[in-house]
Amino acid sequence: MKEIAYLRVSTKDQQIASQEHDIKKQYPTAEIMAEEHGTSGTVPANERPILSKLIDPTLGLRQGDILIVWWVDRIGRNYEDAESVMRTLLNRGVTIKTLNQFRTFEYTGDTMADMITNVQITMITAMAAAERETRLASAEAGRRALRESGSWENAFRGRRPNSGKMEGKYEEILALLNNGNSIRVTASLSGVSASTVQRVKKQYAKKSL
């Protein structure tokens, strides 16, 4: 039996260390396997270097193994893909454990119990996908409000646009803040650290003077 902890963060600004620390406290013997920094949850599982290995039918996780994740959204934010990955592993005899809410997903062979597990997986993965859609909608509402107030051009005047994994993040953060979200909520929704949100907010405050 192997204990594998799968870690993923959405942007290079976030840190895997906090996830690793919490997992090691609960599962000290678990092998840590982390994706490259800045791997979006919308990237299909079979296109991620680490997760694709874990789900490989020949070389990946096998019956009796345990997959540990912070929460199911680390597996994916596309609910169909995440649900497919979880069911594939469970059908293989793998147990999936989460640190958030300390949930355990496994198939026991009991028809009713396994049906309940399937329903839970569908609901939770759909909620992860819906959270992303909510984030995008909130950001767009903030952008629209900024444009209507005439503050949009001033916010980004003289600033070089983000590129790579952080492309569009500055705009998204500012839009979320403008839509009334707190620093903590904005950080969570945009997939960056609270310090990054605070820095963007401070920069915008200077430009608004």
C-alpha atoms as a PDB file:
ATOM      1  CA  MET A   1       0.000   0.000   0.000  1.00  0.00           C
ATOM      2  CA  LYS A   2       1.279   3.474  -0.927  1.00  0.00           C
ATOM      3  CA  GLU A   3       0.242   6.844   0.451  1.00  0.00           C
ATOM      4  CA  ILE A   4       0.594   9.506  -2.239  1.00  0.00           C
ATOM      5  CA  ALA A   5      -0.140  13.172  -1.552  1.00  0.00           C
ATOM      6  CA  TYR A   6      -1.035  15.096  -4.709  1.00  0.00           C
ATOM      7  CA  LEU A   7      -0.474  18.860  -4.561  1.00  0.00           C
ATOM      8  CA  ARG A   8      -1.403  21.592  -7.024  1.00  0.00           C
ATOM      9  CA  VAL A   9      -1.561  25.384  -6.981  1.00  0.00           C
ATOM     10  CA  SER A  10      -3.105  27.501  -9.711  1.00  0.00           C
ATOM     11  CA  THR A  11      -0.488  30.242 -10.030  1.00  0.00           C
ATOM     12  CA  LYS A  12       3.235  30.668  -9.467  1.00  0.00           C
ATOM     13  CA  ASP A  13       2.392  33.240  -6.818  1.00  0.00           C
ATOM     14  CA  GLN A  14       0.896  30.611  -4.524  1.00  0.00           C
ATOM     15  CA  GLN A  15       2.956  28.306  -2.329  1.00  0.00           C
ATOM     16  CA  ILE A  16       2.731  24.526  -2.098  1.00  0.00           C
ATOM     17  CA  ALA A  17       4.625  24.529   1.216  1.00  0.00           C
ATOM     18  CA  SER A  18       1.525  25.156   3.328  1.00  0.00           C
ATOM     19  CA  GLN A  19      -0.318  22.217   1.757  1.00  0.00           C
ATOM     20  CA  GLU A  20       2.721  19.992   2.195  1.00  0.00           C
ATOM     21  CA  HIS A  21       3.127  20.999   5.846  1.00  0.00           C
ATOM     22  CA  ASP A  22      -0.486  20.147   6.692  1.00  0.00           C
ATOM     23  CA  ILE A  23      -0.360  16.840   4.841  1.00  0.00           C
ATOM     24  CA  LYS A  24       2.885  15.783   6.505  1.00  0.00           C
ATOM     25  CA  LYS A  25       1.390  16.478   9.936  1.00  0.00           C
ATOM     26  CA  GLN A  26      -1.496  14.115   9.224  1.00  0.00           C
ATOM     27  CA  TYR A  27       0.321  11.621   6.983  1.00  0.00           C
ATOM     28  CA  PRO A  28       4.046  11.696   7.885  1.00  0.00           C
ATOM     29  CA  THR A  29       4.937   8.753   5.624  1.00  0.00           C
ATOM     30  CA  ALA A  30       3.104  10.013   2.537  1.00  0.00           C
ATOM     31  CA  GLU A  31       5.096  10.587  -0.644  1.00  0.00           C
ATOM     32  CA  ILE A  32       4.602  14.153  -1.860  1.00  0.00           C
ATOM     33  CA  MET A  33       3.974  14.567  -5.578  1.00  0.00           C
ATOM     34  CA  ALA A  34       3.355  18.135  -6.709  1.00  0.00           C
ATOM     35  CA  GLU A  35       2.563  19.617 -10.088  1.00  0.00           C
ATOM     36  CA  GLU A  36       4.671  22.448 -11.438  1.00  0.00           C
ATOM     37  CA  HIS A  37       3.705  25.769  -9.857  1.00  0.00           C
ATOM     38  CA  GLY A  38       0.935  27.463 -11.760  1.00  0.00           C
ATOM     39  CA  THR A  39      -1.039  24.432 -12.967  1.00  0.00           C
ATOM     40  CA  SER A  40      -4.670  25.443 -13.418  1.00  0.00           C
ATOM     41  CA  GLY A  41      -7.418  23.137 -12.221  1.00  0.00           C
ATOM     42  CA  THR A  42      -9.007  23.447 -15.656  1.00  0.00           C
ATOM     43  CA  VAL A  43      -6.076  21.599 -17.286  1.00  0.00           C
ATOM     44  CA  PRO A  44      -7.300  18.041 -18.072  1.00  0.00           C
ATOM     45  CA  ALA A  45      -5.896  15.363 -15.781  1.00  0.00           C
ATOM     46  CA  ASN A  46      -4.235  13.471 -18.627  1.00  0.00           C
ATOM     47  CA  GLU A  47      -2.325  16.626 -19.622  1.00  0.00           C
ATOM     48  CA  ARG A  48      -0.770  17.187 -16.194  1.00  0.00           C
ATOM     49  CA  PRO A  49       2.659  15.556 -15.769  1.00  0.00           C
ATOM     50  CA  ILE A  50       2.069  14.286 -12.222  1.00  0.00           C
ATOM     51  CA  LEU A  51      -1.645  13.485 -12.136  1.00  0.00           C
ATOM     52  CA  SER A  52      -1.458  11.690 -15.487  1.00  0.00           C
ATOM     53  CA  LYS A  53       1.142   9.339 -13.967  1.00  0.00           C
ATOM     54  CA  LEU A  54      -1.000   8.693 -10.903  1.00  0.00           C
ATOM     55  CA  ILE A  55      -4.030   7.708 -12.975  1.00  0.00           C
ATOM     56  CA  ASP A  56      -2.061   5.677 -15.510  1.00  0.00           C
ATOM     57  CA  PRO A  57      -3.610   2.164 -15.490  1.00  0.00           C
ATOM     58  CA  THR A  58      -0.217   0.458 -15.699  1.00  0.00           C
ATOM     59  CA  LEU A  59       2.181   2.639 -13.715  1.00  0.00           C
ATOM     60  CA  GLY A  60      -0.170   4.634 -11.510  1.00  0.00           C
ATOM     61  CA  LEU A  61      -2.025   4.067  -8.264  1.00  0.00           C
ATOM     62  CA  ARG A  62      -3.282   0.555  -7.621  1.00  0.00           C
ATOM     63  CA  GLN A  63      -5.706  -1.300  -5.378  1.00  0.00           C
ATOM     64  CA  GLY A  64      -5.052  -0.546  -1.726  1.00  0.00           C
ATOM     65  CA  ASP A  65      -3.193   2.707  -2.398  1.00  0.00           C
ATOM     66  CA  ILE A  66      -4.305   5.993  -0.833  1.00  0.00           C
ATOM     67  CA  LEU A  67      -4.429   9.311  -2.661  1.00  0.00           C
ATOM     68  CA  ILE A  68      -4.315  12.328  -0.359  1.00  0.00           C
ATOM     69  CA  VAL A  69      -5.376  15.802  -1.504  1.00  0.00           C
ATOM     70  CA  TRP A  70      -6.173  19.035   0.284  1.00  0.00           C
ATOM     71  CA  TRP A  71      -9.621  19.052  -1.361  1.00  0.00           C
ATOM     72  CA  VAL A  72     -11.164  17.575  -4.502  1.00  0.00           C
ATOM     73  CA  ASP A  73     -10.668  20.844  -6.395  1.00  0.00           C
ATOM     74  CA  ARG A  74      -6.941  19.998  -6.409  1.00  0.00           C
ATOM     75  CA  ILE A  75      -7.869  17.113  -8.724  1.00  0.00           C
ATOM     76  CA  GLY A  76      -9.713  19.508 -10.995  1.00  0.00           C
ATOM     77  CA  ARG A  77     -12.193  22.358 -11.401  1.00  0.00           C
ATOM     78  CA  ASN A  78     -13.783  20.875 -14.495  1.00  0.00           C
ATOM     79  CA  TYR A  79     -16.359  18.751 -12.738  1.00  0.00           C
ATOM     80  CA  GLU A  80     -16.676  16.138 -15.491  1.00  0.00           C
ATOM     81  CA  ASP A  81     -12.914  15.570 -15.600  1.00  0.00           C
ATOM     82  CA  ALA A  82     -12.511  15.570 -11.808  1.00  0.00           C
ATOM     83  CA  GLU A  83     -15.458  13.230 -11.347  1.00  0.00           C
ATOM     84  CA  SER A  84     -14.084  10.860 -13.992  1.00  0.00           C
ATOM     85  CA  VAL A  85     -10.654  10.778 -12.310  1.00  0.00           C
ATOM     86  CA  MET A  86     -12.125  10.057  -8.890  1.00  0.00           C
ATOM     87  CA  ARG A  87     -14.411   7.297 -10.107  1.00  0.00           C
ATOM     88  CA  THR A  88     -11.622   5.713 -12.148  1.00  0.00           C
ATOM     89  CA  LEU A  89      -9.365   5.551  -9.100  1.00  0.00           C
ATOM     90  CA  LEU A  90     -12.136   4.338  -6.791  1.00  0.00           C
ATOM     91  CA  ASN A  91     -13.077   1.596  -9.256  1.00  0.00           C
ATOM     92  CA  ARG A  92      -9.420   0.548  -9.200  1.00  0.00           C
ATOM     93  CA  GLY A  93      -9.578   0.102  -5.429  1.00  0.00           C
ATOM     94  CA  VAL A  94      -7.821   3.351  -4.525  1.00  0.00           C
ATOM     95  CA  THR A  95      -9.002   5.317  -1.489  1.00  0.00           C
ATOM     96  CA  ILE A  96      -9.107   9.128  -1.750  1.00  0.00           C
ATOM     97  CA  LYS A  97      -8.682  11.178   1.420  1.00  0.00           C
ATOM     98  CA  THR A  98      -8.963  14.956   1.857  1.00  0.00           C
ATOM     99  CA  LEU A  99      -7.526  17.145   4.596  1.00  0.00           C
ATOM    100  CA  ASN A 100     -10.278  19.721   4.187  1.00  0.00           C
ATOM    101  CA  GLN A 101     -13.237  18.341   6.157  1.00  0.00           C
ATOM    102  CA  PHE A 102     -11.325  15.039   6.544  1.00  0.00           C
ATOM    103  CA  ARG A 103     -13.409  13.222   3.956  1.00  0.00           C
ATOM    104  CA  THR A 104     -12.733   9.663   2.763  1.00  0.00           C
ATOM    105  CA  PHE A 105     -13.995   8.389  -0.573  1.00  0.00           C
ATOM    106  CA  GLU A 106     -13.877   4.680  -1.296  1.00  0.00           C
ATOM    107  CA  TYR A 107     -15.971   1.940  -2.845  1.00  0.00           C
ATOM    108  CA  THR A 108     -16.903  -0.784  -0.360  1.00  0.00           C
ATOM    109  CA  GLY A 109     -18.841  -3.141  -2.599  1.00  0.00           C
ATOM    110  CA  ASP A 110     -22.075  -2.202  -0.873  1.00  0.00           C
ATOM    111  CA  THR A 111     -24.371  -0.982  -3.656  1.00  0.00           C
ATOM    112  CA  MET A 112     -26.201   1.639  -1.586  1.00  0.00           C
ATOM    113  CA  ALA A 113     -23.043   2.989   0.056  1.00  0.00           C
ATOM    114  CA  ASP A 114     -21.262   3.229  -3.281  1.00  0.00           C
ATOM    115  CA  MET A 115     -24.261   5.015  -4.830  1.00  0.00           C
ATOM    116  CA  ILE A 116     -24.123   7.598  -2.034  1.00  0.00           C
ATOM    117  CA  THR A 117     -20.398   8.043  -2.654  1.00  0.00           C
ATOM    118  CA  ASN A 118     -21.071   8.668  -6.355  1.00  0.00           C
ATOM    119  CA  VAL A 119     -23.711  11.275  -5.535  1.00  0.00           C
ATOM    120  CA  GLN A 120     -21.309  13.029  -3.162  1.00  0.00           C
ATOM    121  CA  ILE A 121     -18.562  13.077  -5.792  1.00  0.00           C
ATOM    122  CA  THR A 122     -20.904  14.555  -8.387  1.00  0.00           C
ATOM    123  CA  MET A 123     -22.083  17.278  -6.011  1.00  0.00           C
ATOM    124  CA  ILE A 124     -18.629  18.218  -4.717  1.00  0.00           C
ATOM    125  CA  THR A 125     -16.917  18.328  -8.110  1.00  0.00           C
ATOM    126  CA  ALA A 126     -19.817  20.349  -9.530  1.00  0.00           C
ATOM    127  CA  MET A 127     -19.471  22.822  -6.637  1.00  0.00           C
ATOM    128  CA  ALA A 128     -15.756  23.237  -7.401  1.00  0.00           C
ATOM    129  CA  ALA A 129     -16.585  24.042 -11.011  1.00  0.00           C
ATOM    130  CA  ALA A 130     -19.383  26.397  -9.960  1.00  0.00           C
ATOM    131  CA  GLU A 131     -17.007  28.265  -7.656  1.00  0.00           C
ATOM    132  CA  ARG A 132     -14.784  28.996 -10.624  1.00  0.00           C
ATOM    133  CA  GLU A 133     -17.752  30.264 -12.652  1.00  0.00           C
ATOM    134  CA  THR A 134     -18.772  32.476  -9.730  1.00  0.00           C
ATOM    135  CA  ARG A 135     -15.251  33.899  -9.586  1.00  0.00           C
ATOM    136  CA  LEU A 136     -15.314  34.730 -13.289  1.00  0.00           C
ATOM    137  CA  ALA A 137     -18.757  36.310 -13.042  1.00  0.00           C
ATOM    138  CA  SER A 138     -17.757  38.385 -10.021  1.00  0.00           C
ATOM    139  CA  ALA A 139     -14.595  39.562 -11.750  1.00  0.00           C
ATOM    140  CA  GLU A 140     -16.520  40.568 -14.859  1.00  0.00           C
ATOM    141  CA  ALA A 141     -19.038  42.487 -12.743  1.00  0.00           C
ATOM    142  CA  GLY A 142     -16.156  44.358 -11.136  1.00  0.00           C
ATOM    143  CA  ARG A 143     -14.602  45.173 -14.517  1.00  0.00           C
ATOM    144  CA  ARG A 144     -17.923  46.477 -15.782  1.00  0.00           C
ATOM    145  CA  ALA A 145     -18.338  48.700 -12.746  1.00  0.00           C
ATOM    146  CA  LEU A 146     -14.816  50.076 -13.164  1.00  0.00           C
ATOM    147  CA  ARG A 147     -15.393  50.838 -16.843  1.00  0.00           C
ATOM    148  CA  GLU A 148     -18.703  52.552 -16.114  1.00  0.00           C
ATOM    149  CA  SER A 149     -17.091  54.677 -13.387  1.00  0.00           C
ATOM    150  CA  GLY A 150     -14.307  55.738 -15.752  1.00  0.00           C
ATOM    151  CA  SER A 151     -11.620  54.252 -13.480  1.00  0.00           C
ATOM    152  CA  TRP A 152     -10.553  51.357 -15.720  1.00  0.00           C
ATOM    153  CA  GLU A 153      -8.039  53.170 -17.897  1.00  0.00           C
ATOM    154  CA  ASN A 154      -6.589  55.043 -14.929  1.00  0.00           C
ATOM    155  CA  ALA A 155      -6.058  51.787 -13.013  1.00  0.00           C
ATOM    156  CA  PHE A 156      -3.743  50.379 -15.696  1.00  0.00           C
ATOM    157  CA  ARG A 157      -2.200  53.527 -17.147  1.00  0.00           C
ATOM    158  CA  GLY A 158       1.569  53.136 -17.513  1.00  0.00           C
ATOM    159  CA  ARG A 159       1.537  49.524 -16.336  1.00  0.00           C
ATOM    160  CA  ARG A 160       3.010  46.645 -18.301  1.00  0.00           C
ATOM    161  CA  PRO A 161       0.432  43.836 -18.678  1.00  0.00           C
ATOM    162  CA  ASN A 162       0.964  40.514 -16.926  1.00  0.00           C
ATOM    163  CA  SER A 163       2.167  37.652 -19.063  1.00  0.00           C
ATOM    164  CA  GLY A 164       2.403  33.892 -18.694  1.00  0.00           C
ATOM    165  CA  LYS A 165       0.568  32.257 -15.774  1.00  0.00           C
ATOM    166  CA  MET A 166      -0.251  35.622 -14.197  1.00  0.00           C
ATOM    167  CA  GLU A 167      -1.755  37.065 -17.366  1.00  0.00           C
ATOM    168  CA  GLY A 168      -4.897  38.979 -16.511  1.00  0.00           C
ATOM    169  CA  LYS A 169      -4.557  38.371 -12.761  1.00  0.00           C
ATOM    170  CA  TYR A 170      -4.038  42.032 -11.846  1.00  0.00           C
ATOM    171  CA  GLU A 171      -7.210  42.970 -13.665  1.00  0.00           C
ATOM    172  CA  GLU A 172      -9.135  40.073 -12.130  1.00  0.00           C
ATOM    173  CA  ILE A 173      -7.992  40.919  -8.593  1.00  0.00           C
ATOM    174  CA  LEU A 174      -8.924  44.568  -8.958  1.00  0.00           C
ATOM    175  CA  ALA A 175     -12.285  43.690 -10.452  1.00  0.00           C
ATOM    176  CA  LEU A 176     -13.073  41.285  -7.595  1.00  0.00           C
ATOM    177  CA  LEU A 177     -12.110  43.903  -5.011  1.00  0.00           C
ATOM    178  CA  ASN A 178     -14.212  46.508  -6.788  1.00  0.00           C
ATOM    179  CA  ASN A 179     -17.165  44.136  -6.651  1.00  0.00           C
ATOM    180  CA  GLY A 180     -17.052  44.158  -2.849  1.00  0.00           C
ATOM    181  CA  ASN A 181     -15.033  41.021  -2.110  1.00  0.00           C
ATOM    182  CA  SER A 182     -12.661  41.030   0.868  1.00  0.00           C
ATOM    183  CA  ILE A 183      -8.910  40.529   0.463  1.00  0.00           C
ATOM    184  CA  ARG A 184      -9.181  36.946   1.720  1.00  0.00           C
ATOM    185  CA  VAL A 185     -12.108  36.065  -0.568  1.00  0.00           C
ATOM    186  CA  THR A 186     -10.453  37.774  -3.547  1.00  0.00           C
ATOM    187  CA  ALA A 187      -7.252  35.796  -2.951  1.00  0.00           C
ATOM    188  CA  SER A 188      -9.206  32.544  -2.818  1.00  0.00           C
ATOM    189  CA  LEU A 189     -11.319  33.275  -5.887  1.00  0.00           C
ATOM    190  CA  SER A 190      -8.438  34.514  -8.025  1.00  0.00           C
ATOM    191  CA  GLY A 191      -6.006  31.810  -6.934  1.00  0.00           C
ATOM    192  CA  VAL A 192      -3.292  34.098  -5.536  1.00  0.00           C
ATOM    193  CA  SER A 193      -1.952  34.933  -2.083  1.00  0.00           C
ATOM    194  CA  ALA A 194      -3.487  37.550   0.197  1.00  0.00           C
ATOM    195  CA  SER A 195      -0.226  39.517   0.018  1.00  0.00           C
ATOM    196  CA  THR A 196      -0.577  39.787  -3.771  1.00  0.00           C
ATOM    197  CA  VAL A 197      -4.131  41.107  -3.390  1.00  0.00           C
ATOM    198  CA  GLN A 198      -2.941  43.648  -0.828  1.00  0.00           C
ATOM    199  CA  ARG A 199      -0.144  44.757  -3.174  1.00  0.00           C
ATOM    200  CA  VAL A 200      -2.544  45.229  -6.086  1.00  0.00           C
ATOM    201  CA  LYS A 201      -4.972  47.127  -3.873  1.00  0.00           C
ATOM    202  CA  LYS A 202      -2.169  49.402  -2.650  1.00  0.00           C
ATOM    203  CA  GLN A 203      -0.956  50.060  -6.205  1.00  0.00           C
ATOM    204  CA  TYR A 204      -4.440  50.973  -7.356  1.00  0.00           C
ATOM    205  CA  ALA A 205      -4.941  53.274  -4.360  1.00  0.00           C
ATOM    206  CA  LYS A 206      -1.806  55.195  -5.400  1.00  0.00           C
ATOM    207  CA  LYS A 207      -3.038  55.528  -8.972  1.00  0.00           C
ATOM    208  CA  SER A 208      -6.397  56.802  -7.765  1.00  0.00           C
ATOM    209  CA  LEU A 209      -4.882  59.703  -5.804  1.00  0.00           C
END
